[in-house]
């Protein structure tokens, strides 16, 4: 007979049917933060950033209010605003913050919404415009953020992939990529070590192989939220990133930054965490040793200067 692949998302009907047929471990965790989408409109008149050639509409490229080749982040510790460019010259903004603050703004007055943005995002407010901000804020819903884990991924003639098997928060941009990689891993098994086996056996092997990596990217995605909304504003974190990049340039096959491993390689997500933790330990030891040597040198110079002064007197 046939075989069913459940690729039907976070609220998967296939997964629900499997839960009734087998002993499935299943958990959903809603984090305390939610989100609301806003927008920056394309430039009408005045200074603008030109879009890339592939964005051209006819003969004229769209005009943007901010640089287009960047992810723009406004980190504010416990919340953040991000902006991503669209092909028409606009930016999609997403406000991520604790649900209680979002809901209080939803219930508050227009003046309270404007006052919040004037306090925390005055430059973004200038780009959005007060009237457009209020229009988006009132029309667009406040939505929750959740993570879902389940096991097994496969039972009988059914196999879960993508968000049906592992849903994550969006802060690493890996949700769709992880789902496509599921297909790639399954295909590798079909053509490789499980060649000639029954689909049920291949699906079972896929689930056992993929589960640790699915759990790992769920973890990494949540960790990256803390990095984006808080750590990127820390000088010590930025210094660590600079050293991380320098080591990668000097030892590209040995030292690979976490983001590079996640976004630009096929290193399994669970292996990314192991390598990241090992590199973090080595980097912290190096920074601690460097700081200690710096203090010793400063102390030595201080003693030398004091001895010289005493000798002259």
C-alpha atoms as a PDB file:
ATOM      1  CA  UNK A   1       0.000   0.000   0.000  1.00  0.00           C
ATOM      2  CA  UNK A   2       0.841   3.689   0.165  1.00  0.00           C
ATOM      3  CA  UNK A   3       2.944   5.632   2.639  1.00  0.00           C
ATOM      4  CA  UNK A   4       1.962   8.931   4.307  1.00  0.00           C
ATOM      5  CA  UNK A   5       4.391  11.760   4.999  1.00  0.00           C
ATOM      6  CA  UNK A   6       2.964  14.205   7.527  1.00  0.00           C
ATOM      7  CA  UNK A   7       4.306  17.613   6.509  1.00  0.00           C
ATOM      8  CA  UNK A   8       1.221  19.514   7.654  1.00  0.00           C
ATOM      9  CA  UNK A   9       2.707  21.867  10.204  1.00  0.00           C
ATOM     10  CA  UNK A  10       2.488  22.729  13.888  1.00  0.00           C
ATOM     11  CA  UNK A  11      -1.144  21.582  14.225  1.00  0.00           C
ATOM     12  CA  UNK A  12      -0.564  18.421  12.175  1.00  0.00           C
ATOM     13  CA  UNK A  13      -3.592  16.209  11.567  1.00  0.00           C
ATOM     14  CA  UNK A  14      -1.275  13.319  10.691  1.00  0.00           C
ATOM     15  CA  UNK A  15       0.495  13.649  14.044  1.00  0.00           C
ATOM     16  CA  UNK A  16      -2.838  13.749  15.866  1.00  0.00           C
ATOM     17  CA  UNK A  17      -3.848  10.506  14.145  1.00  0.00           C
ATOM     18  CA  UNK A  18      -0.503   8.911  15.070  1.00  0.00           C
ATOM     19  CA  UNK A  19      -0.987   9.927  18.710  1.00  0.00           C
ATOM     20  CA  UNK A  20      -4.187   7.896  18.804  1.00  0.00           C
ATOM     21  CA  UNK A  21      -2.406   4.872  17.308  1.00  0.00           C
ATOM     22  CA  UNK A  22       0.893   4.766  19.230  1.00  0.00           C
ATOM     23  CA  UNK A  23       2.507   5.860  22.483  1.00  0.00           C
ATOM     24  CA  UNK A  24       3.842   9.199  21.334  1.00  0.00           C
ATOM     25  CA  UNK A  25       5.727  11.534  23.646  1.00  0.00           C
ATOM     26  CA  UNK A  26       4.466  15.005  22.795  1.00  0.00           C
ATOM     27  CA  UNK A  27       5.012  18.422  24.348  1.00  0.00           C
ATOM     28  CA  UNK A  28       4.215  22.029  23.460  1.00  0.00           C
ATOM     29  CA  UNK A  29       5.827  24.934  25.280  1.00  0.00           C
ATOM     30  CA  UNK A  30       4.597  28.479  24.793  1.00  0.00           C
ATOM     31  CA  UNK A  31       7.318  30.963  25.715  1.00  0.00           C
ATOM     32  CA  UNK A  32       6.341  34.113  27.603  1.00  0.00           C
ATOM     33  CA  UNK A  33       7.024  36.280  24.552  1.00  0.00           C
ATOM     34  CA  UNK A  34       4.852  36.926  21.517  1.00  0.00           C
ATOM     35  CA  UNK A  35       5.042  39.076  18.406  1.00  0.00           C
ATOM     36  CA  UNK A  36       3.275  41.640  16.254  1.00  0.00           C
ATOM     37  CA  UNK A  37       4.083  42.503  12.640  1.00  0.00           C
ATOM     38  CA  UNK A  38       4.434  46.106  11.482  1.00  0.00           C
ATOM     39  CA  UNK A  39       5.878  47.707   8.338  1.00  0.00           C
ATOM     40  CA  UNK A  40       8.032  50.485   6.945  1.00  0.00           C
ATOM     41  CA  UNK A  41       6.643  51.663   3.606  1.00  0.00           C
ATOM     42  CA  UNK A  42       8.810  52.277   0.506  1.00  0.00           C
ATOM     43  CA  UNK A  43      10.321  55.705  -0.034  1.00  0.00           C
ATOM     44  CA  UNK A  44       7.954  58.203  -1.632  1.00  0.00           C
ATOM     45  CA  UNK A  45      10.193  61.249  -1.883  1.00  0.00           C
ATOM     46  CA  UNK A  46      13.563  62.146  -0.415  1.00  0.00           C
ATOM     47  CA  UNK A  47      16.798  60.244   0.298  1.00  0.00           C
ATOM     48  CA  UNK A  48      16.687  56.512  -0.350  1.00  0.00           C
ATOM     49  CA  UNK A  49      18.712  53.307  -0.499  1.00  0.00           C
ATOM     50  CA  UNK A  50      18.457  51.575  -3.869  1.00  0.00           C
ATOM     51  CA  UNK A  51      17.474  47.923  -3.926  1.00  0.00           C
ATOM     52  CA  UNK A  52      19.533  45.173  -5.582  1.00  0.00           C
ATOM     53  CA  UNK A  53      19.161  44.443  -9.289  1.00  0.00           C
ATOM     54  CA  UNK A  54      17.022  41.328  -8.742  1.00  0.00           C
ATOM     55  CA  UNK A  55      14.410  43.555  -7.042  1.00  0.00           C
ATOM     56  CA  UNK A  56      13.910  45.722 -10.119  1.00  0.00           C
ATOM     57  CA  UNK A  57      10.320  46.385 -11.108  1.00  0.00           C
ATOM     58  CA  UNK A  58      10.489  47.279 -14.777  1.00  0.00           C
ATOM     59  CA  UNK A  59      13.491  49.541 -15.235  1.00  0.00           C
ATOM     60  CA  UNK A  60      13.672  51.198 -11.826  1.00  0.00           C
ATOM     61  CA  UNK A  61      14.850  49.487  -8.627  1.00  0.00           C
ATOM     62  CA  UNK A  62      12.665  50.038  -5.539  1.00  0.00           C
ATOM     63  CA  UNK A  63      13.753  52.706  -3.054  1.00  0.00           C
ATOM     64  CA  UNK A  64      14.283  51.735   0.580  1.00  0.00           C
ATOM     65  CA  UNK A  65      14.415  53.872   3.730  1.00  0.00           C
ATOM     66  CA  UNK A  66      17.258  51.759   5.190  1.00  0.00           C
ATOM     67  CA  UNK A  67      20.193  49.749   3.852  1.00  0.00           C
ATOM     68  CA  UNK A  68      18.766  46.689   2.149  1.00  0.00           C
ATOM     69  CA  UNK A  69      21.566  44.132   2.587  1.00  0.00           C
ATOM     70  CA  UNK A  70      21.174  43.813   6.332  1.00  0.00           C
ATOM     71  CA  UNK A  71      19.050  42.347   9.084  1.00  0.00           C
ATOM     72  CA  UNK A  72      18.186  45.393  11.203  1.00  0.00           C
ATOM     73  CA  UNK A  73      17.836  44.756  14.950  1.00  0.00           C
ATOM     74  CA  UNK A  74      16.847  47.128  17.737  1.00  0.00           C
ATOM     75  CA  UNK A  75      17.829  45.126  20.877  1.00  0.00           C
ATOM     76  CA  UNK A  76      16.256  46.265  24.139  1.00  0.00           C
ATOM     77  CA  UNK A  77      17.198  43.580  26.651  1.00  0.00           C
ATOM     78  CA  UNK A  78      13.899  41.823  27.292  1.00  0.00           C
ATOM     79  CA  UNK A  79      12.411  42.653  23.870  1.00  0.00           C
ATOM     80  CA  UNK A  80      13.432  43.697  20.367  1.00  0.00           C
ATOM     81  CA  UNK A  81      12.310  45.001  17.000  1.00  0.00           C
ATOM     82  CA  UNK A  82      13.691  43.563  13.750  1.00  0.00           C
ATOM     83  CA  UNK A  83      13.318  44.623  10.109  1.00  0.00           C
ATOM     84  CA  UNK A  84      13.715  42.593   6.906  1.00  0.00           C
ATOM     85  CA  UNK A  85      13.503  44.083   3.374  1.00  0.00           C
ATOM     86  CA  UNK A  86      10.809  43.116   0.859  1.00  0.00           C
ATOM     87  CA  UNK A  87      11.033  43.236  -2.942  1.00  0.00           C
ATOM     88  CA  UNK A  88       8.760  46.300  -3.242  1.00  0.00           C
ATOM     89  CA  UNK A  89      10.941  48.666  -1.176  1.00  0.00           C
ATOM     90  CA  UNK A  90       9.126  48.099   2.113  1.00  0.00           C
ATOM     91  CA  UNK A  91      10.395  46.428   5.286  1.00  0.00           C
ATOM     92  CA  UNK A  92       8.516  43.935   7.405  1.00  0.00           C
ATOM     93  CA  UNK A  93       9.025  44.785  11.064  1.00  0.00           C
ATOM     94  CA  UNK A  94       8.413  42.290  13.843  1.00  0.00           C
ATOM     95  CA  UNK A  95       8.084  43.385  17.445  1.00  0.00           C
ATOM     96  CA  UNK A  96       9.023  40.551  19.828  1.00  0.00           C
ATOM     97  CA  UNK A  97       8.323  41.100  23.503  1.00  0.00           C
ATOM     98  CA  UNK A  98       6.647  39.625  26.598  1.00  0.00           C
ATOM     99  CA  UNK A  99       2.970  38.909  25.936  1.00  0.00           C
ATOM    100  CA  UNK A 100       1.833  40.910  28.963  1.00  0.00           C
ATOM    101  CA  UNK A 101       3.446  44.085  27.560  1.00  0.00           C
ATOM    102  CA  UNK A 102       2.054  43.463  24.067  1.00  0.00           C
ATOM    103  CA  UNK A 103      -1.417  42.839  25.445  1.00  0.00           C
ATOM    104  CA  UNK A 104      -1.258  45.960  27.613  1.00  0.00           C
ATOM    105  CA  UNK A 105      -0.334  48.002  24.525  1.00  0.00           C
ATOM    106  CA  UNK A 106      -3.188  46.370  22.598  1.00  0.00           C
ATOM    107  CA  UNK A 107      -5.566  47.407  25.360  1.00  0.00           C
ATOM    108  CA  UNK A 108      -4.028  50.856  25.783  1.00  0.00           C
ATOM    109  CA  UNK A 109      -4.677  54.117  23.989  1.00  0.00           C
ATOM    110  CA  UNK A 110      -3.064  55.329  20.776  1.00  0.00           C
ATOM    111  CA  UNK A 111      -1.068  57.815  22.838  1.00  0.00           C
ATOM    112  CA  UNK A 112       0.374  54.979  24.916  1.00  0.00           C
ATOM    113  CA  UNK A 113       1.482  53.084  21.783  1.00  0.00           C
ATOM    114  CA  UNK A 114       3.168  56.183  20.354  1.00  0.00           C
ATOM    115  CA  UNK A 115       4.781  56.975  23.725  1.00  0.00           C
ATOM    116  CA  UNK A 116       6.209  53.441  23.907  1.00  0.00           C
ATOM    117  CA  UNK A 117       7.829  53.772  20.485  1.00  0.00           C
ATOM    118  CA  UNK A 118       9.061  57.302  21.225  1.00  0.00           C
ATOM    119  CA  UNK A 119      10.796  55.934  24.332  1.00  0.00           C
ATOM    120  CA  UNK A 120      12.232  52.698  22.930  1.00  0.00           C
ATOM    121  CA  UNK A 121      12.331  53.046  19.114  1.00  0.00           C
ATOM    122  CA  UNK A 122      12.346  56.754  18.182  1.00  0.00           C
ATOM    123  CA  UNK A 123      14.395  56.236  14.984  1.00  0.00           C
ATOM    124  CA  UNK A 124      12.165  53.363  13.855  1.00  0.00           C
ATOM    125  CA  UNK A 125       9.073  55.462  14.583  1.00  0.00           C
ATOM    126  CA  UNK A 126      10.397  58.169  12.253  1.00  0.00           C
ATOM    127  CA  UNK A 127      10.725  55.574   9.477  1.00  0.00           C
ATOM    128  CA  UNK A 128       7.331  53.981  10.125  1.00  0.00           C
ATOM    129  CA  UNK A 129       5.298  57.141  10.663  1.00  0.00           C
ATOM    130  CA  UNK A 130       2.865  57.565  13.545  1.00  0.00           C
ATOM    131  CA  UNK A 131      -0.306  57.110  11.512  1.00  0.00           C
ATOM    132  CA  UNK A 132       0.946  53.969   9.777  1.00  0.00           C
ATOM    133  CA  UNK A 133       2.213  52.550  13.086  1.00  0.00           C
ATOM    134  CA  UNK A 134      -1.193  52.940  14.699  1.00  0.00           C
ATOM    135  CA  UNK A 135      -2.933  51.441  11.666  1.00  0.00           C
ATOM    136  CA  UNK A 136      -0.686  48.350  11.707  1.00  0.00           C
ATOM    137  CA  UNK A 137      -0.741  48.046  15.475  1.00  0.00           C
ATOM    138  CA  UNK A 138      -4.525  48.000  15.632  1.00  0.00           C
ATOM    139  CA  UNK A 139      -5.119  45.808  12.571  1.00  0.00           C
ATOM    140  CA  UNK A 140      -2.402  43.174  12.973  1.00  0.00           C
ATOM    141  CA  UNK A 141      -2.934  40.520  15.653  1.00  0.00           C
ATOM    142  CA  UNK A 142      -0.668  39.809  18.590  1.00  0.00           C
ATOM    143  CA  UNK A 143       0.427  36.181  18.269  1.00  0.00           C
ATOM    144  CA  UNK A 144       2.124  33.710  20.637  1.00  0.00           C
ATOM    145  CA  UNK A 145       5.370  31.802  20.094  1.00  0.00           C
ATOM    146  CA  UNK A 146       5.645  28.081  20.804  1.00  0.00           C
ATOM    147  CA  UNK A 147       7.973  25.097  20.503  1.00  0.00           C
ATOM    148  CA  UNK A 148       6.803  21.542  19.890  1.00  0.00           C
ATOM    149  CA  UNK A 149       8.649  18.248  20.316  1.00  0.00           C
ATOM    150  CA  UNK A 150       7.416  14.719  19.709  1.00  0.00           C
ATOM    151  CA  UNK A 151       8.716  11.167  19.456  1.00  0.00           C
ATOM    152  CA  UNK A 152       8.580   8.893  17.499  1.00  0.00           C
ATOM    153  CA  UNK A 153       8.577  10.668  14.139  1.00  0.00           C
ATOM    154  CA  UNK A 154       7.458   7.477  12.397  1.00  0.00           C
ATOM    155  CA  UNK A 155       4.886   4.770  13.075  1.00  0.00           C
ATOM    156  CA  UNK A 156       3.573   2.159  10.675  1.00  0.00           C
ATOM    157  CA  UNK A 157       3.116   3.721   7.255  1.00  0.00           C
ATOM    158  CA  UNK A 158       3.361   7.314   8.525  1.00  0.00           C
ATOM    159  CA  UNK A 159       6.352   9.608   8.961  1.00  0.00           C
ATOM    160  CA  UNK A 160       6.396  13.189  10.253  1.00  0.00           C
ATOM    161  CA  UNK A 161       8.638  15.893   8.813  1.00  0.00           C
ATOM    162  CA  UNK A 162       9.080  19.638   9.211  1.00  0.00           C
ATOM    163  CA  UNK A 163       6.971  21.544  11.742  1.00  0.00           C
ATOM    164  CA  UNK A 164       4.761  18.485  12.183  1.00  0.00           C
ATOM    165  CA  UNK A 165       7.747  16.766  13.827  1.00  0.00           C
ATOM    166  CA  UNK A 166       9.636  19.706  15.372  1.00  0.00           C
ATOM    167  CA  UNK A 167       8.339  23.258  15.692  1.00  0.00           C
ATOM    168  CA  UNK A 168      10.685  25.998  16.843  1.00  0.00           C
ATOM    169  CA  UNK A 169      10.625  29.714  17.548  1.00  0.00           C
ATOM    170  CA  UNK A 170      11.747  31.739  14.486  1.00  0.00           C
ATOM    171  CA  UNK A 171      14.943  33.330  15.777  1.00  0.00           C
ATOM    172  CA  UNK A 172      17.430  31.280  13.771  1.00  0.00           C
ATOM    173  CA  UNK A 173      15.455  31.319  10.524  1.00  0.00           C
ATOM    174  CA  UNK A 174      15.891  27.538  10.330  1.00  0.00           C
ATOM    175  CA  UNK A 175      12.298  26.246  10.412  1.00  0.00           C
ATOM    176  CA  UNK A 176      11.849  25.697   6.658  1.00  0.00           C
ATOM    177  CA  UNK A 177      15.502  24.809   6.181  1.00  0.00           C
ATOM    178  CA  UNK A 178      15.259  22.131   8.859  1.00  0.00           C
ATOM    179  CA  UNK A 179      12.159  20.676   7.172  1.00  0.00           C
ATOM    180  CA  UNK A 180      13.927  20.539   3.803  1.00  0.00           C
ATOM    181  CA  UNK A 181      16.923  18.933   5.483  1.00  0.00           C
ATOM    182  CA  UNK A 182      14.550  16.257   6.849  1.00  0.00           C
ATOM    183  CA  UNK A 183      13.804  15.320   3.229  1.00  0.00           C
ATOM    184  CA  UNK A 184      17.519  15.322   2.403  1.00  0.00           C
ATOM    185  CA  UNK A 185      18.341  13.022   5.352  1.00  0.00           C
ATOM    186  CA  UNK A 186      15.497  10.647   4.438  1.00  0.00           C
ATOM    187  CA  UNK A 187      16.690  10.598   0.827  1.00  0.00           C
ATOM    188  CA  UNK A 188      20.262   9.856   1.959  1.00  0.00           C
ATOM    189  CA  UNK A 189      18.991   6.852   3.932  1.00  0.00           C
ATOM    190  CA  UNK A 190      16.934   5.602   0.987  1.00  0.00           C
ATOM    191  CA  UNK A 191      19.919   5.740  -1.359  1.00  0.00           C
ATOM    192  CA  UNK A 192      22.509   4.660   1.194  1.00  0.00           C
ATOM    193  CA  UNK A 193      22.526   2.452   4.257  1.00  0.00           C
ATOM    194  CA  UNK A 194      18.775   1.650   4.078  1.00  0.00           C
ATOM    195  CA  UNK A 195      18.725   0.955   0.343  1.00  0.00           C
ATOM    196  CA  UNK A 196      16.322  -1.882  -0.491  1.00  0.00           C
ATOM    197  CA  UNK A 197      14.644  -1.804   2.953  1.00  0.00           C
ATOM    198  CA  UNK A 198      10.929  -1.360   3.533  1.00  0.00           C
ATOM    199  CA  UNK A 199       9.689   2.221   3.841  1.00  0.00           C
ATOM    200  CA  UNK A 200       8.601   1.527   7.430  1.00  0.00           C
ATOM    201  CA  UNK A 201      12.176   0.564   8.330  1.00  0.00           C
ATOM    202  CA  UNK A 202      13.629   3.597   6.553  1.00  0.00           C
ATOM    203  CA  UNK A 203      11.172   5.905   8.344  1.00  0.00           C
ATOM    204  CA  UNK A 204      12.018   4.387  11.726  1.00  0.00           C
ATOM    205  CA  UNK A 205      15.749   4.821  11.077  1.00  0.00           C
ATOM    206  CA  UNK A 206      15.112   8.401   9.934  1.00  0.00           C
ATOM    207  CA  UNK A 207      13.276   9.254  13.168  1.00  0.00           C
ATOM    208  CA  UNK A 208      16.032   7.863  15.376  1.00  0.00           C
ATOM    209  CA  UNK A 209      18.716   9.659  13.363  1.00  0.00           C
ATOM    210  CA  UNK A 210      16.915  12.987  13.118  1.00  0.00           C
ATOM    211  CA  UNK A 211      15.440  13.389  16.622  1.00  0.00           C
ATOM    212  CA  UNK A 212      18.660  14.618  18.356  1.00  0.00           C
ATOM    213  CA  UNK A 213      19.191  17.247  15.652  1.00  0.00           C
ATOM    214  CA  UNK A 214      15.553  18.362  15.783  1.00  0.00           C
ATOM    215  CA  UNK A 215      15.790  18.883  19.552  1.00  0.00           C
ATOM    216  CA  UNK A 216      19.091  20.725  19.067  1.00  0.00           C
ATOM    217  CA  UNK A 217      17.744  23.305  16.597  1.00  0.00           C
ATOM    218  CA  UNK A 218      14.716  23.922  18.817  1.00  0.00           C
ATOM    219  CA  UNK A 219      17.189  24.741  21.611  1.00  0.00           C
ATOM    220  CA  UNK A 220      19.463  26.842  19.378  1.00  0.00           C
ATOM    221  CA  UNK A 221      16.533  28.881  18.057  1.00  0.00           C
ATOM    222  CA  UNK A 222      15.435  29.867  21.555  1.00  0.00           C
ATOM    223  CA  UNK A 223      19.007  30.672  22.610  1.00  0.00           C
ATOM    224  CA  UNK A 224      19.408  32.945  19.597  1.00  0.00           C
ATOM    225  CA  UNK A 225      16.478  35.074  20.770  1.00  0.00           C
ATOM    226  CA  UNK A 226      18.416  35.977  23.926  1.00  0.00           C
ATOM    227  CA  UNK A 227      21.442  36.752  21.769  1.00  0.00           C
ATOM    228  CA  UNK A 228      19.478  39.005  19.405  1.00  0.00           C
ATOM    229  CA  UNK A 229      17.483  40.961  21.988  1.00  0.00           C
ATOM    230  CA  UNK A 230      20.168  41.355  24.655  1.00  0.00           C
ATOM    231  CA  UNK A 231      23.678  40.032  24.017  1.00  0.00           C
ATOM    232  CA  UNK A 232      24.342  41.965  20.785  1.00  0.00           C
ATOM    233  CA  UNK A 233      24.350  45.159  22.873  1.00  0.00           C
ATOM    234  CA  UNK A 234      27.102  43.797  25.165  1.00  0.00           C
ATOM    235  CA  UNK A 235      30.704  44.880  24.503  1.00  0.00           C
ATOM    236  CA  UNK A 236      32.081  41.613  25.924  1.00  0.00           C
ATOM    237  CA  UNK A 237      29.837  39.621  23.585  1.00  0.00           C
ATOM    238  CA  UNK A 238      30.900  41.700  20.575  1.00  0.00           C
ATOM    239  CA  UNK A 239      34.567  41.244  21.539  1.00  0.00           C
ATOM    240  CA  UNK A 240      34.024  37.500  21.738  1.00  0.00           C
ATOM    241  CA  UNK A 241      32.443  37.562  18.264  1.00  0.00           C
ATOM    242  CA  UNK A 242      35.444  39.461  16.880  1.00  0.00           C
ATOM    243  CA  UNK A 243      37.848  36.892  18.321  1.00  0.00           C
ATOM    244  CA  UNK A 244      35.593  34.099  17.026  1.00  0.00           C
ATOM    245  CA  UNK A 245      35.788  35.552  13.508  1.00  0.00           C
ATOM    246  CA  UNK A 246      39.555  36.059  13.723  1.00  0.00           C
ATOM    247  CA  UNK A 247      40.118  32.446  14.773  1.00  0.00           C
ATOM    248  CA  UNK A 248      37.905  31.288  11.900  1.00  0.00           C
ATOM    249  CA  UNK A 249      39.976  33.350   9.452  1.00  0.00           C
ATOM    250  CA  UNK A 250      43.215  31.852  10.819  1.00  0.00           C
ATOM    251  CA  UNK A 251      41.925  28.277  11.239  1.00  0.00           C
ATOM    252  CA  UNK A 252      38.951  27.927   8.868  1.00  0.00           C
ATOM    253  CA  UNK A 253      38.825  24.126   8.925  1.00  0.00           C
ATOM    254  CA  UNK A 254      39.270  23.885  12.698  1.00  0.00           C
ATOM    255  CA  UNK A 255      37.380  26.844  14.176  1.00  0.00           C
ATOM    256  CA  UNK A 256      33.899  27.537  12.753  1.00  0.00           C
ATOM    257  CA  UNK A 257      31.535  30.091  14.372  1.00  0.00           C
ATOM    258  CA  UNK A 258      28.176  28.765  15.484  1.00  0.00           C
ATOM    259  CA  UNK A 259      26.136  30.798  12.991  1.00  0.00           C
ATOM    260  CA  UNK A 260      28.298  29.600  10.109  1.00  0.00           C
ATOM    261  CA  UNK A 261      27.832  25.990  11.186  1.00  0.00           C
ATOM    262  CA  UNK A 262      24.052  26.391  11.446  1.00  0.00           C
ATOM    263  CA  UNK A 263      23.367  28.486   8.350  1.00  0.00           C
ATOM    264  CA  UNK A 264      26.111  27.565   5.879  1.00  0.00           C
ATOM    265  CA  UNK A 265      26.978  23.926   6.467  1.00  0.00           C
ATOM    266  CA  UNK A 266      25.422  20.496   6.760  1.00  0.00           C
ATOM    267  CA  UNK A 267      26.991  19.893  10.167  1.00  0.00           C
ATOM    268  CA  UNK A 268      24.211  18.249  12.223  1.00  0.00           C
ATOM    269  CA  UNK A 269      22.574  20.643  14.682  1.00  0.00           C
ATOM    270  CA  UNK A 270      23.444  18.408  17.652  1.00  0.00           C
ATOM    271  CA  UNK A 271      27.099  18.419  16.547  1.00  0.00           C
ATOM    272  CA  UNK A 272      26.913  22.230  16.267  1.00  0.00           C
ATOM    273  CA  UNK A 273      26.082  22.435  19.974  1.00  0.00           C
ATOM    274  CA  UNK A 274      28.947  20.100  20.905  1.00  0.00           C
ATOM    275  CA  UNK A 275      31.444  22.083  18.804  1.00  0.00           C
ATOM    276  CA  UNK A 276      30.072  25.411  20.027  1.00  0.00           C
ATOM    277  CA  UNK A 277      30.410  24.399  23.672  1.00  0.00           C
ATOM    278  CA  UNK A 278      33.978  23.165  23.128  1.00  0.00           C
ATOM    279  CA  UNK A 279      34.970  26.358  21.287  1.00  0.00           C
ATOM    280  CA  UNK A 280      33.312  28.528  23.943  1.00  0.00           C
ATOM    281  CA  UNK A 281      35.312  26.807  26.680  1.00  0.00           C
ATOM    282  CA  UNK A 282      38.575  27.259  24.781  1.00  0.00           C
ATOM    283  CA  UNK A 283      37.753  30.879  23.951  1.00  0.00           C
ATOM    284  CA  UNK A 284      36.842  31.696  27.557  1.00  0.00           C
ATOM    285  CA  UNK A 285      40.071  30.151  28.827  1.00  0.00           C
ATOM    286  CA  UNK A 286      42.030  32.174  26.248  1.00  0.00           C
ATOM    287  CA  UNK A 287      40.297  35.412  27.232  1.00  0.00           C
ATOM    288  CA  UNK A 288      40.802  34.686  30.932  1.00  0.00           C
ATOM    289  CA  UNK A 289      44.499  33.956  30.379  1.00  0.00           C
ATOM    290  CA  UNK A 290      44.843  37.099  28.285  1.00  0.00           C
ATOM    291  CA  UNK A 291      43.159  39.199  30.960  1.00  0.00           C
ATOM    292  CA  UNK A 292      45.355  37.663  33.671  1.00  0.00           C
ATOM    293  CA  UNK A 293      48.517  38.337  31.670  1.00  0.00           C
ATOM    294  CA  UNK A 294      47.342  41.893  31.089  1.00  0.00           C
ATOM    295  CA  UNK A 295      46.847  42.417  34.824  1.00  0.00           C
ATOM    296  CA  UNK A 296      50.250  40.887  35.588  1.00  0.00           C
ATOM    297  CA  UNK A 297      51.918  43.161  33.041  1.00  0.00           C
ATOM    298  CA  UNK A 298      50.114  46.200  34.437  1.00  0.00           C
ATOM    299  CA  UNK A 299      51.129  45.224  37.976  1.00  0.00           C
ATOM    300  CA  UNK A 300      54.721  44.641  36.851  1.00  0.00           C
ATOM    301  CA  UNK A 301      54.884  48.021  35.141  1.00  0.00           C
ATOM    302  CA  UNK A 302      53.417  49.625  38.268  1.00  0.00           C
ATOM    303  CA  UNK A 303      56.055  48.041  40.492  1.00  0.00           C
ATOM    304  CA  UNK A 304      58.796  49.013  38.027  1.00  0.00           C
ATOM    305  CA  UNK A 305      57.589  52.614  37.926  1.00  0.00           C
ATOM    306  CA  UNK A 306      57.454  52.741  41.755  1.00  0.00           C
ATOM    307  CA  UNK A 307      61.008  51.381  42.067  1.00  0.00           C
ATOM    308  CA  UNK A 308      62.292  53.877  39.509  1.00  0.00           C
ATOM    309  CA  UNK A 309      60.602  56.724  41.379  1.00  0.00           C
ATOM    310  CA  UNK A 310      62.035  55.520  44.711  1.00  0.00           C
ATOM    311  CA  UNK A 311      65.519  55.246  43.214  1.00  0.00           C
ATOM    312  CA  UNK A 312      65.406  58.798  41.841  1.00  0.00           C
ATOM    313  CA  UNK A 313      64.303  60.183  45.205  1.00  0.00           C
END
